[in-house]
């Protein structure tokens, strides 16, 4: 979608590309399968099918990343923001706004267990990761740690995942933004 959005693609080329790449997928519903409505496609979700309209889809999503926002991010004191948004790599951010039906979205959130998760988070329970998962997932944002960890693993050395997780947090976050558990 990104290439179509940032080239001079049309709604029709988007629909054709989606059908070309996903038409044989059992979860993809082309407009031909739904009575021939022009530029419509659907996705068979576990709850029920969700239909999308490609009309004006690209135009709504030709957003560019604001120069003011680039400047703010580049001057951030937060190491995580600087890591995620280095100014030399900011070209654009593509947000695809889908045409959801509110009732269907709520139904899908309930079926997936997301509503229960949201309620648990509202009660203030923290997110917990075991140290190995955390290191494998987040070591990339602290490149010096990632390299050291990979070299250690390549030599067959067993590194202390708790210590590595603490070091990643120390590099990227401030002390009040995290807490290392047992």
N, C-alpha and C. Protein backbone atom coordinates (compact mmCIF):
# COMPACT_ATOMS: atom_id res chain seq x y z
N UNK A 1 0.84 -1.18 0.00
CA UNK A 1 0.00 0.00 0.00
C UNK A 1 0.88 1.24 0.00
N UNK A 2 1.97 1.20 0.74
CA UNK A 2 2.83 2.37 0.87
C UNK A 2 3.35 2.84 -0.49
N UNK A 3 3.77 1.92 -1.35
CA UNK A 3 4.27 2.31 -2.67
C UNK A 3 3.18 2.96 -3.50
N UNK A 4 1.98 2.44 -3.42
CA UNK A 4 0.87 3.00 -4.18
C UNK A 4 0.52 4.38 -3.64
N UNK A 5 0.50 4.53 -2.32
CA UNK A 5 0.14 5.82 -1.71
C UNK A 5 1.14 6.89 -2.11
N UNK A 6 2.42 6.56 -2.12
CA UNK A 6 3.42 7.59 -2.35
C UNK A 6 3.80 7.74 -3.81
N UNK A 7 3.36 6.83 -4.66
CA UNK A 7 3.45 7.08 -6.09
C UNK A 7 2.13 7.73 -6.45
N UNK A 8 1.84 7.84 -7.70
CA UNK A 8 0.58 8.47 -8.08
C UNK A 8 -0.46 7.41 -8.40
N UNK A 9 -0.61 6.45 -7.51
CA UNK A 9 -1.57 5.38 -7.69
C UNK A 9 -3.00 5.88 -7.61
N UNK A 10 -3.91 5.03 -8.03
CA UNK A 10 -5.33 5.37 -7.99
C UNK A 10 -6.05 4.36 -7.11
N UNK A 11 -7.30 4.66 -6.80
CA UNK A 11 -8.10 3.72 -6.01
C UNK A 11 -8.20 2.38 -6.73
N UNK A 12 -8.33 2.46 -8.04
CA UNK A 12 -8.46 1.24 -8.84
C UNK A 12 -7.17 0.42 -8.81
N UNK A 13 -5.99 1.08 -8.90
CA UNK A 13 -4.74 0.32 -8.85
C UNK A 13 -4.55 -0.31 -7.47
N UNK A 14 -4.99 0.38 -6.43
CA UNK A 14 -4.92 -0.20 -5.08
C UNK A 14 -5.78 -1.46 -5.02
N UNK A 15 -7.02 -1.36 -5.48
CA UNK A 15 -7.92 -2.51 -5.46
C UNK A 15 -7.32 -3.66 -6.28
N UNK A 16 -6.81 -3.34 -7.48
CA UNK A 16 -6.23 -4.38 -8.34
C UNK A 16 -5.02 -5.05 -7.68
N UNK A 17 -4.16 -4.25 -7.02
CA UNK A 17 -3.00 -4.82 -6.34
C UNK A 17 -3.43 -5.72 -5.18
N UNK A 18 -4.41 -5.26 -4.40
CA UNK A 18 -4.91 -6.07 -3.30
C UNK A 18 -5.45 -7.40 -3.81
N UNK A 19 -6.24 -7.33 -4.88
CA UNK A 19 -6.83 -8.54 -5.44
C UNK A 19 -5.76 -9.43 -6.05
N UNK A 20 -4.78 -8.82 -6.73
CA UNK A 20 -3.69 -9.58 -7.35
C UNK A 20 -2.89 -10.34 -6.27
N UNK A 21 -2.57 -9.66 -5.18
CA UNK A 21 -1.72 -10.27 -4.16
C UNK A 21 -2.48 -11.15 -3.17
N UNK A 22 -3.76 -10.86 -2.94
CA UNK A 22 -4.49 -11.59 -1.91
C UNK A 22 -5.74 -12.30 -2.42
N UNK A 23 -6.02 -12.19 -3.72
CA UNK A 23 -7.24 -12.74 -4.29
C UNK A 23 -7.46 -14.22 -4.06
N UNK A 24 -6.38 -14.99 -3.97
CA UNK A 24 -6.52 -16.43 -3.78
C UNK A 24 -6.56 -16.83 -2.30
N UNK A 25 -6.36 -15.86 -1.43
CA UNK A 25 -6.41 -16.14 0.00
C UNK A 25 -7.86 -16.38 0.42
N UNK A 26 -8.08 -17.42 1.20
CA UNK A 26 -9.45 -17.76 1.59
C UNK A 26 -10.10 -16.70 2.47
N UNK A 27 -9.30 -15.80 3.04
CA UNK A 27 -9.84 -14.75 3.91
C UNK A 27 -10.11 -13.45 3.17
N UNK A 28 -9.72 -13.39 1.89
CA UNK A 28 -9.92 -12.17 1.10
C UNK A 28 -11.23 -12.29 0.32
N UNK A 29 -12.03 -11.22 0.34
CA UNK A 29 -13.30 -11.20 -0.40
C UNK A 29 -13.19 -10.10 -1.44
N UNK A 30 -13.22 -10.47 -2.72
CA UNK A 30 -13.15 -9.45 -3.77
C UNK A 30 -14.54 -8.91 -4.05
N UNK A 31 -14.61 -7.79 -4.77
CA UNK A 31 -15.92 -7.19 -5.06
C UNK A 31 -16.76 -8.13 -5.92
N UNK A 32 -16.11 -8.95 -6.74
CA UNK A 32 -16.86 -9.90 -7.57
C UNK A 32 -17.63 -10.89 -6.69
N UNK A 33 -17.02 -11.27 -5.56
CA UNK A 33 -17.66 -12.22 -4.65
C UNK A 33 -18.78 -11.58 -3.82
N UNK A 34 -18.87 -10.26 -3.82
CA UNK A 34 -19.89 -9.59 -3.02
C UNK A 34 -20.88 -8.82 -3.88
N UNK A 35 -21.14 -9.34 -5.04
CA UNK A 35 -22.17 -8.74 -5.89
C UNK A 35 -21.65 -7.68 -6.84
N UNK A 36 -20.33 -7.61 -7.03
CA UNK A 36 -19.75 -6.73 -8.03
C UNK A 36 -19.66 -5.26 -7.67
N UNK A 37 -19.82 -4.89 -6.40
CA UNK A 37 -19.67 -3.49 -6.02
C UNK A 37 -18.26 -3.04 -6.37
N UNK A 38 -18.17 -1.95 -7.11
CA UNK A 38 -16.88 -1.45 -7.58
C UNK A 38 -15.96 -1.06 -6.42
N UNK A 39 -14.71 -1.45 -6.49
CA UNK A 39 -13.65 -1.06 -5.56
C UNK A 39 -13.93 -1.43 -4.09
N UNK A 40 -14.66 -2.49 -3.89
CA UNK A 40 -14.91 -2.98 -2.52
C UNK A 40 -14.16 -4.30 -2.34
N UNK A 41 -13.61 -4.50 -1.16
CA UNK A 41 -13.02 -5.79 -0.82
C UNK A 41 -13.34 -6.07 0.64
N UNK A 42 -13.12 -7.29 1.04
CA UNK A 42 -13.41 -7.65 2.42
C UNK A 42 -12.37 -8.60 2.97
N UNK A 43 -12.37 -8.73 4.28
CA UNK A 43 -11.49 -9.66 4.97
C UNK A 43 -12.36 -10.49 5.90
N UNK A 44 -12.25 -11.82 5.77
CA UNK A 44 -13.00 -12.72 6.65
C UNK A 44 -12.23 -12.83 7.96
N UNK A 45 -12.69 -12.09 8.97
CA UNK A 45 -12.10 -12.17 10.30
C UNK A 45 -12.74 -13.32 11.05
N UNK A 46 -12.19 -13.66 12.19
CA UNK A 46 -12.73 -14.79 12.95
C UNK A 46 -14.15 -14.54 13.41
N UNK A 47 -14.51 -13.28 13.67
CA UNK A 47 -15.86 -12.98 14.13
C UNK A 47 -16.83 -12.98 12.95
N UNK A 48 -16.54 -12.17 11.94
CA UNK A 48 -17.36 -12.11 10.73
C UNK A 48 -16.63 -11.25 9.71
N UNK A 49 -17.04 -11.30 8.44
CA UNK A 49 -16.35 -10.52 7.42
C UNK A 49 -16.48 -9.01 7.66
N UNK A 50 -15.41 -8.29 7.30
CA UNK A 50 -15.40 -6.83 7.38
C UNK A 50 -15.13 -6.31 5.97
N UNK A 51 -15.97 -5.39 5.50
CA UNK A 51 -15.85 -4.86 4.14
C UNK A 51 -15.19 -3.50 4.15
N UNK A 52 -14.40 -3.23 3.10
CA UNK A 52 -13.68 -1.97 2.95
C UNK A 52 -13.98 -1.39 1.58
N UNK A 53 -13.94 -0.08 1.49
CA UNK A 53 -14.18 0.63 0.24
C UNK A 53 -12.90 1.34 -0.15
N UNK A 54 -12.38 1.05 -1.35
CA UNK A 54 -11.15 1.69 -1.81
C UNK A 54 -11.37 3.11 -2.33
N UNK A 55 -12.62 3.53 -2.49
CA UNK A 55 -12.91 4.86 -3.02
C UNK A 55 -12.31 5.92 -2.10
N UNK A 56 -11.46 6.77 -2.66
CA UNK A 56 -10.76 7.85 -1.94
C UNK A 56 -9.84 7.35 -0.83
N UNK A 57 -9.57 6.07 -0.80
CA UNK A 57 -8.73 5.47 0.23
C UNK A 57 -7.32 6.05 0.18
N UNK A 58 -6.76 6.14 -1.02
CA UNK A 58 -5.39 6.64 -1.15
C UNK A 58 -5.28 8.11 -0.80
N UNK A 59 -6.24 8.89 -1.25
CA UNK A 59 -6.19 10.33 -0.99
C UNK A 59 -6.22 10.62 0.51
N UNK A 60 -7.02 9.86 1.24
CA UNK A 60 -7.11 10.05 2.68
C UNK A 60 -5.80 9.69 3.37
N UNK A 61 -4.97 8.88 2.73
CA UNK A 61 -3.77 8.37 3.37
C UNK A 61 -2.48 8.88 2.74
N UNK A 62 -2.53 9.96 1.99
CA UNK A 62 -1.32 10.56 1.43
C UNK A 62 -0.74 11.58 2.41
N UNK A 63 -0.70 11.23 3.68
CA UNK A 63 -0.20 12.14 4.70
C UNK A 63 1.32 12.19 4.66
N UNK A 64 1.86 13.34 4.97
CA UNK A 64 3.30 13.48 5.10
C UNK A 64 3.62 13.79 6.55
N UNK A 65 4.83 13.55 6.90
CA UNK A 65 5.27 13.80 8.26
C UNK A 65 5.60 15.28 8.39
N UNK A 66 4.95 15.97 9.29
CA UNK A 66 5.10 17.41 9.47
C UNK A 66 6.55 17.80 9.77
N UNK A 67 7.04 18.84 9.08
CA UNK A 67 8.39 19.33 9.33
C UNK A 67 8.53 19.83 10.77
N UNK A 68 7.46 20.42 11.31
CA UNK A 68 7.51 20.89 12.70
C UNK A 68 7.70 19.71 13.65
N UNK A 69 6.99 18.63 13.36
CA UNK A 69 7.11 17.45 14.22
C UNK A 69 8.51 16.84 14.09
N UNK A 70 9.06 16.83 12.88
CA UNK A 70 10.44 16.35 12.69
C UNK A 70 11.40 17.14 13.56
N UNK A 71 11.24 18.46 13.55
CA UNK A 71 12.12 19.33 14.33
C UNK A 71 11.98 19.05 15.83
N UNK A 72 10.76 18.91 16.29
CA UNK A 72 10.53 18.62 17.71
C UNK A 72 11.17 17.29 18.10
N UNK A 73 10.96 16.27 17.27
CA UNK A 73 11.52 14.95 17.58
C UNK A 73 13.04 14.97 17.55
N UNK A 74 13.62 15.69 16.60
CA UNK A 74 15.08 15.71 16.48
C UNK A 74 15.72 16.41 17.67
N UNK A 75 15.00 17.31 18.32
CA UNK A 75 15.54 18.04 19.48
C UNK A 75 15.15 17.41 20.81
N UNK A 76 14.49 16.27 20.77
CA UNK A 76 14.04 15.62 22.00
C UNK A 76 15.24 15.20 22.85
N UNK A 77 15.08 15.31 24.15
CA UNK A 77 16.11 14.85 25.08
C UNK A 77 15.92 13.37 25.41
N UNK A 78 14.77 12.81 25.05
CA UNK A 78 14.45 11.43 25.36
C UNK A 78 15.23 10.51 24.43
N UNK A 79 16.05 9.63 25.00
CA UNK A 79 16.88 8.75 24.17
C UNK A 79 16.05 7.78 23.33
N UNK A 80 14.93 7.34 23.87
CA UNK A 80 14.08 6.43 23.11
C UNK A 80 13.53 7.12 21.87
N UNK A 81 13.04 8.35 22.01
CA UNK A 81 12.53 9.11 20.86
C UNK A 81 13.64 9.31 19.83
N UNK A 82 14.83 9.68 20.30
CA UNK A 82 15.96 9.89 19.38
C UNK A 82 16.32 8.59 18.65
N UNK A 83 16.19 7.46 19.36
CA UNK A 83 16.50 6.17 18.74
C UNK A 83 15.46 5.80 17.70
N UNK A 84 14.20 6.00 18.03
CA UNK A 84 13.12 5.61 17.12
C UNK A 84 13.01 6.56 15.93
N UNK A 85 13.23 7.85 16.16
CA UNK A 85 13.05 8.86 15.12
C UNK A 85 14.32 9.66 14.86
N UNK A 86 15.39 9.03 14.35
CA UNK A 86 16.56 9.85 14.02
C UNK A 86 16.19 10.79 12.88
N UNK A 87 16.56 12.06 12.99
CA UNK A 87 16.09 13.08 12.05
C UNK A 87 16.52 12.78 10.61
N UNK A 88 17.70 12.19 10.43
CA UNK A 88 18.13 11.94 9.05
C UNK A 88 17.31 10.88 8.34
N UNK A 89 16.55 10.07 9.10
CA UNK A 89 15.77 9.01 8.45
C UNK A 89 14.28 9.33 8.33
N UNK A 90 13.85 10.50 8.79
CA UNK A 90 12.42 10.82 8.73
C UNK A 90 12.03 11.29 7.35
N UNK A 91 11.23 10.51 6.66
CA UNK A 91 10.72 10.91 5.36
C UNK A 91 9.22 11.08 5.41
N UNK A 92 8.53 10.05 5.88
CA UNK A 92 7.08 10.12 6.01
C UNK A 92 6.62 9.02 6.94
N UNK A 93 5.45 9.17 7.46
CA UNK A 93 4.81 8.12 8.24
C UNK A 93 3.48 7.86 7.56
N UNK A 94 3.19 6.61 7.30
CA UNK A 94 1.95 6.27 6.60
C UNK A 94 0.95 5.72 7.61
N UNK A 95 -0.16 6.42 7.77
CA UNK A 95 -1.25 5.94 8.60
C UNK A 95 -2.37 5.54 7.67
N UNK A 96 -2.82 4.32 7.77
CA UNK A 96 -3.92 3.87 6.94
C UNK A 96 -5.17 3.88 7.82
N UNK A 97 -6.08 4.78 7.53
CA UNK A 97 -7.32 4.87 8.29
C UNK A 97 -8.34 3.98 7.62
N UNK A 98 -8.75 2.94 8.30
CA UNK A 98 -9.69 2.01 7.71
C UNK A 98 -11.11 2.46 8.00
N UNK A 99 -12.01 2.04 7.13
CA UNK A 99 -13.41 2.44 7.30
C UNK A 99 -14.14 1.37 8.12
N UNK A 100 -13.96 1.43 9.44
CA UNK A 100 -14.52 0.44 10.35
C UNK A 100 -15.98 0.72 10.68
N UNK A 101 -16.68 -0.32 10.97
CA UNK A 101 -18.03 -0.26 11.52
C UNK A 101 -17.85 -0.42 13.03
N UNK A 102 -18.26 0.57 13.81
CA UNK A 102 -18.03 0.59 15.27
C UNK A 102 -18.49 -0.70 15.95
N UNK A 103 -19.68 -1.15 15.63
CA UNK A 103 -20.21 -2.35 16.28
C UNK A 103 -19.34 -3.57 16.00
N UNK A 104 -18.85 -3.66 14.76
CA UNK A 104 -18.00 -4.79 14.40
C UNK A 104 -16.66 -4.73 15.11
N UNK A 105 -16.11 -3.52 15.22
CA UNK A 105 -14.83 -3.36 15.91
C UNK A 105 -14.97 -3.80 17.37
N UNK A 106 -16.01 -3.34 18.04
CA UNK A 106 -16.24 -3.72 19.44
C UNK A 106 -16.40 -5.23 19.55
N UNK A 107 -17.15 -5.80 18.62
CA UNK A 107 -17.36 -7.26 18.63
C UNK A 107 -16.01 -7.99 18.49
N UNK A 108 -15.17 -7.52 17.56
CA UNK A 108 -13.87 -8.16 17.36
C UNK A 108 -12.96 -7.98 18.57
N UNK A 109 -13.02 -6.81 19.19
CA UNK A 109 -12.23 -6.58 20.40
C UNK A 109 -12.66 -7.52 21.52
N UNK A 110 -13.95 -7.73 21.64
CA UNK A 110 -14.46 -8.65 22.69
C UNK A 110 -14.04 -10.09 22.40
N UNK A 111 -14.21 -10.54 21.13
CA UNK A 111 -13.86 -11.91 20.78
C UNK A 111 -12.37 -12.19 20.98
N UNK A 112 -11.54 -11.19 20.74
CA UNK A 112 -10.09 -11.39 20.83
C UNK A 112 -9.57 -11.32 22.26
N UNK A 113 -10.44 -10.92 23.20
CA UNK A 113 -10.01 -10.80 24.59
C UNK A 113 -9.38 -9.45 24.90
N UNK A 114 -9.39 -8.55 23.93
CA UNK A 114 -8.76 -7.25 24.11
C UNK A 114 -9.47 -6.42 25.17
N UNK A 115 -10.78 -6.51 25.25
CA UNK A 115 -11.52 -5.72 26.24
C UNK A 115 -11.11 -6.13 27.66
N UNK A 116 -10.93 -7.43 27.88
CA UNK A 116 -10.47 -7.89 29.20
C UNK A 116 -9.08 -7.35 29.51
N UNK A 117 -8.21 -7.38 28.51
CA UNK A 117 -6.85 -6.86 28.69
C UNK A 117 -6.89 -5.37 29.02
N UNK A 118 -7.72 -4.62 28.32
CA UNK A 118 -7.85 -3.18 28.58
C UNK A 118 -8.32 -2.95 30.01
N UNK A 119 -9.31 -3.70 30.44
CA UNK A 119 -9.82 -3.54 31.82
C UNK A 119 -8.75 -3.86 32.86
N UNK A 120 -7.95 -4.89 32.60
CA UNK A 120 -6.85 -5.23 33.51
C UNK A 120 -5.84 -4.09 33.57
N UNK A 121 -5.51 -3.52 32.41
CA UNK A 121 -4.56 -2.40 32.37
C UNK A 121 -5.12 -1.18 33.09
N UNK A 122 -6.43 -0.94 32.97
CA UNK A 122 -7.06 0.20 33.66
C UNK A 122 -6.94 0.06 35.17
N UNK A 123 -6.94 -1.17 35.64
CA UNK A 123 -6.81 -1.42 37.08
C UNK A 123 -5.39 -1.18 37.58
N UNK A 124 -4.47 -0.92 36.65
CA UNK A 124 -3.11 -0.57 37.04
C UNK A 124 -2.13 -1.71 37.09
N UNK A 125 -2.51 -2.88 36.60
CA UNK A 125 -1.56 -3.98 36.61
C UNK A 125 -0.51 -3.74 35.54
N UNK A 126 0.76 -3.93 35.88
CA UNK A 126 1.83 -3.63 34.93
C UNK A 126 1.98 -4.71 33.87
N UNK A 127 2.71 -4.35 32.84
CA UNK A 127 3.06 -5.32 31.80
C UNK A 127 4.29 -6.06 32.31
N UNK A 128 4.26 -7.37 32.23
CA UNK A 128 5.40 -8.15 32.71
C UNK A 128 5.95 -9.00 31.57
N UNK A 129 7.27 -8.98 31.44
CA UNK A 129 7.97 -9.81 30.46
C UNK A 129 9.00 -10.62 31.23
N UNK A 130 9.27 -11.86 30.78
CA UNK A 130 10.40 -12.53 31.40
C UNK A 130 11.66 -11.94 30.76
N UNK A 131 12.79 -12.06 31.42
CA UNK A 131 13.99 -11.35 31.00
C UNK A 131 14.48 -11.78 29.62
N UNK A 132 14.42 -13.09 29.32
CA UNK A 132 14.86 -13.54 28.00
C UNK A 132 14.01 -12.93 26.89
N UNK A 133 12.68 -12.96 27.05
CA UNK A 133 11.79 -12.35 26.05
C UNK A 133 12.10 -10.87 25.88
N UNK A 134 12.27 -10.18 26.99
CA UNK A 134 12.54 -8.75 26.95
C UNK A 134 13.83 -8.46 26.18
N UNK A 135 14.89 -9.19 26.51
CA UNK A 135 16.19 -8.96 25.85
C UNK A 135 16.08 -9.23 24.36
N UNK A 136 15.46 -10.34 23.97
CA UNK A 136 15.34 -10.64 22.54
C UNK A 136 14.47 -9.63 21.81
N UNK A 137 13.46 -9.12 22.49
CA UNK A 137 12.55 -8.17 21.85
C UNK A 137 13.12 -6.76 21.76
N UNK A 138 13.82 -6.30 22.82
CA UNK A 138 14.19 -4.89 22.90
C UNK A 138 15.69 -4.60 22.79
N UNK A 139 16.53 -5.61 22.67
CA UNK A 139 17.97 -5.35 22.58
C UNK A 139 18.32 -4.47 21.38
N UNK A 140 17.53 -4.55 20.32
CA UNK A 140 17.83 -3.77 19.11
C UNK A 140 17.80 -2.27 19.34
N UNK A 141 17.08 -1.79 20.34
CA UNK A 141 17.03 -0.34 20.56
C UNK A 141 18.25 0.17 21.34
N UNK A 142 19.06 -0.74 21.83
CA UNK A 142 20.33 -0.38 22.47
C UNK A 142 21.40 -1.18 21.74
N UNK A 143 21.86 -0.66 20.59
CA UNK A 143 22.69 -1.45 19.67
C UNK A 143 23.97 -1.98 20.32
N UNK A 144 24.60 -1.23 21.20
CA UNK A 144 25.83 -1.74 21.84
C UNK A 144 25.53 -2.98 22.67
N UNK A 145 24.40 -2.99 23.34
CA UNK A 145 23.99 -4.15 24.15
C UNK A 145 23.67 -5.32 23.23
N UNK A 146 22.97 -5.04 22.14
CA UNK A 146 22.59 -6.11 21.21
C UNK A 146 23.83 -6.80 20.67
N UNK A 147 24.83 -6.03 20.25
CA UNK A 147 26.07 -6.61 19.70
C UNK A 147 26.78 -7.47 20.74
N UNK A 148 26.89 -6.94 21.96
CA UNK A 148 27.56 -7.66 23.04
C UNK A 148 26.81 -8.97 23.35
N UNK A 149 25.49 -8.90 23.39
CA UNK A 149 24.67 -10.07 23.69
C UNK A 149 24.82 -11.13 22.59
N UNK A 150 24.81 -10.71 21.32
CA UNK A 150 24.94 -11.66 20.21
C UNK A 150 26.32 -12.31 20.21
N UNK A 151 27.39 -11.53 20.48
CA UNK A 151 28.74 -12.10 20.55
C UNK A 151 28.82 -13.13 21.66
N UNK A 152 28.23 -12.81 22.79
CA UNK A 152 28.24 -13.72 23.94
C UNK A 152 27.52 -15.02 23.59
N UNK A 153 26.36 -14.90 22.94
CA UNK A 153 25.60 -16.10 22.54
C UNK A 153 26.37 -16.92 21.51
N UNK A 154 27.04 -16.24 20.55
CA UNK A 154 27.80 -16.93 19.51
C UNK A 154 28.94 -17.75 20.11
N UNK A 155 29.54 -17.25 21.18
CA UNK A 155 30.63 -17.98 21.85
C UNK A 155 30.10 -19.09 22.76
N UNK A 156 28.78 -19.16 22.89
CA UNK A 156 28.19 -20.18 23.74
C UNK A 156 28.13 -19.79 25.20
N UNK A 157 28.47 -18.54 25.49
CA UNK A 157 28.41 -18.06 26.87
C UNK A 157 26.97 -17.77 27.25
N UNK A 158 26.65 -18.08 28.45
CA UNK A 158 25.32 -17.78 28.96
C UNK A 158 25.39 -16.43 29.66
N UNK A 159 24.75 -15.42 29.09
CA UNK A 159 24.76 -14.11 29.72
C UNK A 159 23.58 -14.00 30.68
N UNK A 160 23.65 -13.04 31.57
CA UNK A 160 22.60 -12.83 32.57
C UNK A 160 21.51 -11.96 31.97
N UNK A 161 20.36 -12.55 31.56
CA UNK A 161 19.31 -11.76 30.90
C UNK A 161 18.75 -10.65 31.78
N UNK A 162 18.74 -10.85 33.10
CA UNK A 162 18.24 -9.81 34.01
C UNK A 162 19.14 -8.58 33.94
N UNK A 163 20.46 -8.81 33.97
CA UNK A 163 21.42 -7.71 33.92
C UNK A 163 21.35 -6.99 32.57
N UNK A 164 21.18 -7.77 31.49
CA UNK A 164 21.08 -7.16 30.16
C UNK A 164 19.80 -6.34 30.05
N UNK A 165 18.69 -6.87 30.56
CA UNK A 165 17.42 -6.13 30.53
C UNK A 165 17.55 -4.82 31.31
N UNK A 166 18.20 -4.88 32.46
CA UNK A 166 18.40 -3.67 33.27
C UNK A 166 19.25 -2.65 32.51
N UNK A 167 20.27 -3.12 31.81
CA UNK A 167 21.15 -2.21 31.05
C UNK A 167 20.38 -1.56 29.89
N UNK A 168 19.54 -2.33 29.20
CA UNK A 168 18.73 -1.78 28.10
C UNK A 168 17.84 -0.67 28.65
N UNK A 169 17.17 -0.93 29.74
CA UNK A 169 16.28 0.08 30.35
C UNK A 169 17.07 1.31 30.77
N UNK A 170 18.23 1.09 31.35
CA UNK A 170 19.08 2.19 31.82
C UNK A 170 19.50 3.10 30.66
N UNK A 171 19.81 2.49 29.51
CA UNK A 171 20.25 3.26 28.35
C UNK A 171 19.10 4.04 27.73
N UNK A 172 17.93 3.44 27.66
CA UNK A 172 16.83 4.00 26.89
C UNK A 172 15.84 4.81 27.73
N UNK A 173 15.65 4.45 28.98
CA UNK A 173 14.59 5.07 29.80
C UNK A 173 15.17 5.79 31.01
N UNK A 174 14.35 6.61 31.63
CA UNK A 174 14.75 7.20 32.91
C UNK A 174 14.30 6.27 34.02
N UNK A 175 14.90 6.40 35.18
CA UNK A 175 14.65 5.49 36.30
C UNK A 175 13.20 5.35 36.71
N UNK A 176 12.42 6.41 36.61
CA UNK A 176 11.02 6.32 37.03
C UNK A 176 10.11 5.71 35.96
N UNK A 177 10.65 5.42 34.76
CA UNK A 177 9.83 4.86 33.69
C UNK A 177 9.81 3.34 33.67
N UNK A 178 10.59 2.70 34.53
CA UNK A 178 10.61 1.24 34.54
C UNK A 178 10.97 0.74 35.93
N UNK A 179 10.72 -0.54 36.15
CA UNK A 179 11.12 -1.19 37.39
C UNK A 179 11.48 -2.62 37.05
N UNK A 180 12.63 -3.06 37.50
CA UNK A 180 13.09 -4.43 37.24
C UNK A 180 12.58 -5.32 38.37
N UNK A 181 11.92 -6.39 37.99
CA UNK A 181 11.37 -7.32 38.98
C UNK A 181 12.30 -8.49 39.22
N UNK A 182 11.73 -9.53 39.82
CA UNK A 182 12.52 -10.73 40.12
C UNK A 182 12.58 -11.66 38.95
